[in-house]
Amino acid sequence: MNITILDDYLDVVPTLSSFAEFSKNARHRVTVWKDHTKDVDVLADRLSDTQALVLLRERTPVTAALLGRLRSLKLITQNGPYPHVDVAACTRSGVLLCAGKPRPSSATAELAWGLVLAAMRRIPQEMARLKSGGWQGTLGTGLRGRTLGVFGYGTIGSQVAGFGRAFGMRVMVWSRERGIAAARADSYEIAQSQEKMFEEADVLSLHVRLVEDTRGIVRASDLARMKPEALFVNTSRAALVEEDALVQALRAGRPGAAAVDVYEQEPVVDRDHPLLNMENVVCTPHLGYVERDQLDRYFADQFRRVEAFEKGEPIDVVNPEALRRS
């Protein structure tokens, strides 16, 4: 099969053990692109003879316009949610979409906590000051005894709550019913409401899955409730926050700081992006799940779907009707 992998920003896929194992199959010709483009003409040219397309999360939109030009394409494989893929257009074109949940990982939770420490102790600012010839210039804030709000108590949120407990914080959780039940079973305090958690948290970390019901679940009014010295952390999805609400809230002084790993349009290559130009914001380029062991497992799952499809036994099928169309 002709297989294409898009958006390998770090040029890391060819170095993974899962890739080396998969590449032993001489029947496969694998092409990896490390630059990013949303241009339909460019993508159509790159994917003209592609039979199986391996996507890296939500980096490249797969639209009806693009699918209509990919006559050889038979399979798209994806880990995690797929809001960037036009499933109906896939089905009409006879393209099978196979998507499974990513395996549980500590990578995003670890990064979230790294951002908390970096922002509260002002580590990036002090590093920059030291490298420019200065010494201490800002005063950080410790975590012990302060309140951590965890919004969303799933695999990642529960790990972040555990980190907060280990650091001696008061941990408060707000989530859907199942998450609240799990948090209560783990002996965490349940917030009286979403609004009360935003009011009381010194650090609030967002760990909600992006679906249509949760889009914009963090409102401008929620952010306005936060303390002027509080920190808002988002390693989930930018669209969980009302558009432009975080920038406006930071300019208004509530919350006093933010640490973000996700953005409304990615990749961010504009130096004038407002979050990149705020002294009270720590920004990272969507590193949450981008960790070697995680990516190795991620692509092992992807390649397993390709092999299953080749054998005529597809797994993790989203649109089985496409099989009849093809």
Protein backbone atom coordinates (compact mmCIF):
# COMPACT_ATOMS: atom_id res chain seq x y z
CA MET A 1 0.00 0.00 0.00
CA ASN A 2 1.00 3.61 -0.53
CA ILE A 3 0.81 5.18 2.93
CA THR A 4 1.25 8.86 3.79
CA ILE A 5 1.84 10.39 7.23
CA LEU A 6 1.20 14.13 7.53
CA ASP A 7 2.43 16.84 9.91
CA ASP A 8 5.44 15.19 11.53
CA TYR A 9 6.62 18.59 12.81
CA LEU A 10 9.62 17.14 14.65
CA ASP A 11 10.67 14.68 11.93
CA VAL A 12 10.45 12.02 14.65
CA VAL A 13 8.22 9.34 13.10
CA PRO A 14 11.04 7.64 11.13
CA THR A 15 13.00 7.27 14.40
CA LEU A 16 10.24 5.39 16.24
CA SER A 17 10.53 1.66 16.84
CA SER A 18 6.93 1.18 15.73
CA PHE A 19 7.80 2.78 12.38
CA ALA A 20 10.88 0.60 11.96
CA GLU A 21 8.83 -2.52 12.63
CA PHE A 22 6.07 -1.47 10.25
CA SER A 23 8.53 -0.53 7.52
CA LYS A 24 9.85 -4.09 7.38
CA ASN A 25 6.79 -4.93 5.30
CA ALA A 26 8.12 -4.56 1.77
CA ARG A 27 4.60 -4.23 0.37
CA HIS A 28 4.26 -0.79 1.94
CA ARG A 29 5.67 2.48 0.62
CA VAL A 30 5.54 5.06 3.40
CA THR A 31 5.93 8.81 2.81
CA VAL A 32 6.27 11.17 5.77
CA TRP A 33 5.72 14.93 5.45
CA LYS A 34 7.07 17.10 8.24
CA ASP A 35 5.85 20.50 7.09
CA HIS A 36 2.24 21.62 7.54
CA THR A 37 -0.21 22.87 4.96
CA LYS A 38 -3.97 23.27 4.72
CA ASP A 39 -3.81 24.16 1.01
CA VAL A 40 -6.12 21.73 -0.80
CA ASP A 41 -4.13 21.91 -4.05
CA VAL A 42 -0.87 21.09 -2.29
CA LEU A 43 -2.47 18.27 -0.28
CA ALA A 44 -4.18 16.81 -3.34
CA ASP A 45 -0.82 16.68 -5.12
CA ARG A 46 0.96 15.11 -2.16
CA LEU A 47 -1.75 12.53 -1.61
CA SER A 48 -2.54 11.75 -5.25
CA ASP A 49 -1.49 8.08 -5.04
CA THR A 50 -2.08 7.60 -1.31
CA GLN A 51 -4.19 4.59 -0.36
CA ALA A 52 -3.91 4.94 3.43
CA LEU A 53 -3.62 8.28 5.20
CA VAL A 54 -2.24 8.37 8.74
CA LEU A 55 -3.20 11.55 10.60
CA LEU A 56 -1.56 13.15 13.60
CA ARG A 57 -4.52 14.20 15.73
CA GLU A 58 -6.37 17.28 14.42
CA ARG A 59 -3.52 18.93 12.55
CA THR A 60 -4.85 18.77 8.96
CA PRO A 61 -8.53 19.19 8.00
CA VAL A 62 -9.80 16.46 5.67
CA THR A 63 -12.62 18.16 3.80
CA ALA A 64 -15.06 17.11 1.11
CA ALA A 65 -13.13 19.28 -1.36
CA LEU A 66 -9.93 17.38 -0.63
CA LEU A 67 -11.53 13.93 -0.56
CA GLY A 68 -13.12 14.55 -3.95
CA ARG A 69 -9.64 14.74 -5.47
CA LEU A 70 -8.13 11.66 -3.81
CA ARG A 71 -9.20 8.83 -6.10
CA SER A 72 -6.77 6.28 -4.68
CA LEU A 73 -7.57 6.86 -1.00
CA LYS A 74 -9.24 3.93 0.77
CA LEU A 75 -8.39 4.39 4.46
CA ILE A 76 -7.87 7.19 6.99
CA THR A 77 -6.62 6.25 10.43
CA GLN A 78 -6.71 8.59 13.41
CA ASN A 79 -6.16 8.39 17.16
CA GLY A 80 -8.64 10.27 19.29
CA PRO A 81 -11.51 12.55 18.22
CA TYR A 82 -11.88 13.54 14.57
CA PRO A 83 -13.70 16.90 14.30
CA HIS A 84 -11.32 17.79 11.44
CA VAL A 85 -12.50 14.91 9.24
CA ASP A 86 -15.68 15.17 7.14
CA VAL A 87 -17.02 11.71 7.95
CA ALA A 88 -20.03 12.01 5.64
CA ALA A 89 -17.76 12.92 2.73
CA CYS A 90 -15.51 9.97 3.58
CA THR A 91 -18.50 7.66 3.39
CA ARG A 92 -19.69 9.11 0.07
CA SER A 93 -16.20 8.62 -1.34
CA GLY A 94 -15.92 5.06 -0.05
CA VAL A 95 -13.08 6.03 2.31
CA LEU A 96 -13.05 4.11 5.57
CA LEU A 97 -12.29 6.12 8.72
CA CYS A 98 -10.80 4.09 11.56
CA ALA A 99 -10.27 5.92 14.83
CA GLY A 100 -9.57 4.63 18.30
CA LYS A 101 -9.09 6.20 21.68
CA PRO A 102 -5.45 6.97 22.47
CA ARG A 103 -4.02 4.75 25.16
CA PRO A 104 -3.98 6.27 28.65
CA SER A 105 -0.87 8.39 29.08
CA SER A 106 0.78 10.53 31.71
CA ALA A 107 2.40 12.85 29.16
CA THR A 108 -0.30 15.55 29.09
CA ALA A 109 -0.83 15.51 32.85
CA GLU A 110 2.91 15.86 33.39
CA LEU A 111 3.09 18.79 30.99
CA ALA A 112 0.11 20.45 32.67
CA TRP A 113 1.88 20.28 36.01
CA GLY A 114 5.09 21.54 34.44
CA LEU A 115 3.15 24.56 33.20
CA VAL A 116 1.68 25.13 36.66
CA LEU A 117 5.15 25.17 38.23
CA ALA A 118 6.62 27.30 35.44
CA ALA A 119 3.87 29.90 35.67
CA MET A 120 3.56 30.07 39.45
CA ARG A 121 7.31 30.32 40.02
CA ARG A 122 7.81 32.46 36.88
CA ILE A 123 10.52 30.14 35.62
CA PRO A 124 10.54 31.26 31.93
CA GLN A 125 10.74 34.92 32.89
CA GLU A 126 13.59 34.35 35.32
CA MET A 127 15.49 32.18 32.82
CA ALA A 128 15.24 34.96 30.24
CA ARG A 129 16.38 37.52 32.81
CA LEU A 130 19.39 35.42 33.84
CA LYS A 131 20.43 34.80 30.21
CA SER A 132 20.27 38.53 29.51
CA GLY A 133 22.64 39.31 32.39
CA GLY A 134 20.14 40.02 35.15
CA TRP A 135 19.42 38.35 38.46
CA GLN A 136 16.20 37.92 40.46
CA GLY A 137 13.47 40.23 39.22
CA THR A 138 10.08 38.73 39.98
CA LEU A 139 8.46 37.04 42.96
CA GLY A 140 6.82 33.65 42.43
CA THR A 141 4.07 31.93 44.39
CA GLY A 142 4.16 28.53 46.09
CA LEU A 143 1.47 25.86 45.83
CA ARG A 144 1.16 24.25 49.26
CA GLY A 145 -2.06 25.24 50.99
CA ARG A 146 -3.56 26.84 47.89
CA THR A 147 -6.63 25.64 46.00
CA LEU A 148 -6.38 23.63 42.79
CA GLY A 149 -9.51 23.47 40.68
CA VAL A 150 -9.64 20.49 38.29
CA PHE A 151 -12.29 20.96 35.60
CA GLY A 152 -12.93 17.52 34.12
CA TYR A 153 -12.08 14.35 36.02
CA GLY A 154 -11.01 11.77 33.44
CA THR A 155 -7.68 10.05 32.86
CA ILE A 156 -5.71 13.30 32.72
CA GLY A 157 -7.71 15.34 35.23
CA SER A 158 -7.43 12.61 37.86
CA GLN A 159 -3.63 12.55 37.47
CA VAL A 160 -3.42 16.33 37.81
CA ALA A 161 -5.57 16.13 40.94
CA GLY A 162 -3.11 13.59 42.33
CA PHE A 163 -0.20 15.93 41.65
CA GLY A 164 -2.04 18.69 43.48
CA ARG A 165 -2.60 16.44 46.47
CA ALA A 166 1.09 15.47 46.49
CA PHE A 167 2.01 19.17 46.55
CA GLY A 168 -0.18 19.75 49.59
CA MET A 169 -2.93 21.65 47.79
CA ARG A 170 -6.62 21.70 48.52
CA VAL A 171 -8.05 19.95 45.45
CA MET A 172 -11.54 20.81 44.18
CA VAL A 173 -13.17 19.02 41.23
CA TRP A 174 -15.97 19.90 38.85
CA SER A 175 -17.00 17.46 36.13
CA ARG A 176 -19.88 15.53 34.62
CA GLU A 177 -21.74 13.08 36.84
CA ARG A 178 -19.45 10.14 36.19
CA GLY A 179 -16.36 12.25 36.85
CA ILE A 180 -17.85 13.67 40.03
CA ALA A 181 -18.63 10.16 41.26
CA ALA A 182 -15.06 9.05 40.55
CA ALA A 183 -13.59 12.12 42.24
CA ARG A 184 -15.78 11.61 45.29
CA ALA A 185 -14.65 7.97 45.46
CA ASP A 186 -11.05 9.24 45.41
CA SER A 187 -11.88 11.51 48.37
CA TYR A 188 -11.65 14.82 46.53
CA GLU A 189 -13.79 17.82 47.34
CA ILE A 190 -16.56 18.48 44.84
CA ALA A 191 -17.14 22.11 43.92
CA GLN A 192 -20.61 23.49 44.59
CA SER A 193 -20.80 24.61 40.96
CA GLN A 194 -18.65 25.51 37.98
CA GLU A 195 -18.94 29.17 38.99
CA LYS A 196 -17.82 28.53 42.58
CA MET A 197 -14.76 26.60 41.42
CA PHE A 198 -13.66 29.50 39.22
CA GLU A 199 -14.17 31.86 42.15
CA GLU A 200 -12.19 29.81 44.68
CA ALA A 201 -9.34 28.29 42.64
CA ASP A 202 -5.83 29.68 42.88
CA VAL A 203 -4.91 27.38 39.99
CA LEU A 204 -7.57 26.07 37.62
CA SER A 205 -6.60 23.33 35.16
CA LEU A 206 -8.93 22.39 32.29
CA HIS A 207 -9.27 18.72 31.29
CA VAL A 208 -12.54 18.46 29.38
CA ARG A 209 -12.95 16.59 26.11
CA LEU A 210 -13.97 18.80 23.18
CA VAL A 211 -17.34 17.77 21.75
CA GLU A 212 -20.14 19.98 20.49
CA ASP A 213 -21.72 20.17 23.97
CA THR A 214 -18.49 21.36 25.58
CA ARG A 215 -17.44 23.92 22.96
CA GLY A 216 -17.17 27.25 24.81
CA ILE A 217 -17.92 25.59 28.16
CA VAL A 218 -15.55 28.09 29.82
CA ARG A 219 -17.30 31.41 29.47
CA ALA A 220 -15.99 34.95 29.77
CA SER A 221 -18.11 35.24 32.92
CA ASP A 222 -16.28 32.24 34.44
CA LEU A 223 -12.88 33.80 33.84
CA ALA A 224 -14.08 37.13 35.25
CA ARG A 225 -14.85 35.33 38.53
CA MET A 226 -11.23 34.25 39.01
CA LYS A 227 -8.93 35.92 41.53
CA PRO A 228 -6.55 38.57 40.19
CA GLU A 229 -3.63 36.38 41.33
CA ALA A 230 -5.08 33.10 39.99
CA LEU A 231 -3.65 30.96 37.18
CA PHE A 232 -5.71 29.40 34.36
CA VAL A 233 -4.17 26.36 32.64
CA ASN A 234 -5.37 24.82 29.36
CA THR A 235 -3.72 21.70 27.93
CA SER A 236 -6.99 20.36 26.47
CA ARG A 237 -8.43 22.36 23.56
CA ALA A 238 -8.64 26.10 22.92
CA ALA A 239 -12.24 25.83 21.70
CA LEU A 240 -13.37 24.82 25.18
CA VAL A 241 -13.01 28.53 26.02
CA GLU A 242 -15.24 31.13 24.42
CA GLU A 243 -13.42 32.68 21.47
CA ASP A 244 -11.10 35.50 22.51
CA ALA A 245 -12.39 35.30 26.11
CA LEU A 246 -9.04 34.35 27.63
CA VAL A 247 -7.13 37.22 26.02
CA GLN A 248 -9.75 39.73 27.13
CA ALA A 249 -9.88 38.27 30.65
CA LEU A 250 -6.09 38.50 31.02
CA ARG A 251 -6.15 42.09 29.83
CA ALA A 252 -8.83 42.81 32.44
CA GLY A 253 -6.70 41.22 35.17
CA ARG A 254 -8.86 38.20 36.05
CA PRO A 255 -7.22 35.73 36.05
CA GLY A 256 -3.82 37.20 36.67
CA ALA A 257 -1.95 34.63 34.58
CA ALA A 258 -2.41 31.75 32.17
CA ALA A 259 -0.44 28.76 30.90
CA VAL A 260 -1.60 27.37 27.57
CA ASP A 261 -0.55 24.54 25.28
CA VAL A 262 -3.44 24.81 22.78
CA TYR A 263 -4.65 27.49 20.38
CA GLU A 264 -7.68 28.21 18.22
CA GLN A 265 -5.59 27.89 15.03
CA GLU A 266 -2.52 25.65 14.98
CA PRO A 267 0.34 25.74 14.34
CA VAL A 268 0.89 29.24 15.68
CA VAL A 269 3.56 30.89 13.52
CA ASP A 270 2.53 34.51 14.00
CA ARG A 271 4.83 36.27 16.46
CA ASP A 272 2.08 38.84 17.00
CA HIS A 273 -0.36 36.31 18.47
CA PRO A 274 -1.68 38.10 21.58
CA LEU A 275 -0.94 35.26 24.01
CA LEU A 276 2.70 35.15 22.88
CA ASN A 277 3.08 38.83 23.73
CA MET A 278 1.71 38.77 27.27
CA GLU A 279 4.27 38.74 30.05
CA ASN A 280 1.84 36.89 32.33
CA VAL A 281 1.30 33.94 29.96
CA VAL A 282 3.43 30.81 29.60
CA CYS A 283 2.96 29.30 26.12
CA THR A 284 4.04 25.93 24.72
CA PRO A 285 3.40 24.61 21.17
CA HIS A 286 0.87 21.81 21.85
CA LEU A 287 3.36 19.50 23.53
CA GLY A 288 0.84 17.67 25.72
CA TYR A 289 0.95 14.26 24.07
CA VAL A 290 4.16 14.91 22.09
CA GLU A 291 6.52 12.64 23.99
CA ARG A 292 8.56 9.78 22.52
CA ASP A 293 6.99 6.82 24.32
CA GLN A 294 3.50 8.20 23.74
CA LEU A 295 4.12 8.76 20.03
CA ASP A 296 5.58 5.26 19.66
CA ARG A 297 2.43 3.74 21.14
CA TYR A 298 0.32 6.13 19.09
CA PHE A 299 1.81 5.02 15.79
CA ALA A 300 1.83 1.37 16.77
CA ASP A 301 -1.96 1.68 17.02
CA GLN A 302 -2.12 3.54 13.71
CA PHE A 303 -0.08 0.93 11.86
CA ARG A 304 -2.15 -1.85 13.40
CA ARG A 305 -5.22 -0.33 11.77
CA VAL A 306 -3.49 -0.17 8.39
CA GLU A 307 -2.48 -3.83 8.63
CA ALA A 308 -5.96 -4.88 9.71
CA PHE A 309 -7.45 -3.02 6.74
CA GLU A 310 -5.00 -4.67 4.36
CA LYS A 311 -6.07 -8.08 5.65
CA GLY A 312 -9.70 -7.21 5.03
CA GLU A 313 -10.47 -7.12 8.76
CA PRO A 314 -10.64 -3.39 9.61
CA ILE A 315 -10.78 -2.33 13.26
CA ASP A 316 -11.99 0.79 15.09
CA VAL A 317 -14.33 1.55 12.18
CA VAL A 318 -16.26 4.82 12.38
CA ASN A 319 -18.22 4.64 9.11
CA PRO A 320 -18.86 1.00 8.11
CA GLU A 321 -21.18 2.21 5.33
CA ALA A 322 -18.06 3.22 3.42
CA LEU A 323 -17.21 -0.44 2.97
CA ARG A 324 -20.38 -0.94 0.95
CA ARG A 325 -19.67 2.20 -1.08
CA SER A 326 -16.14 1.05 -1.90
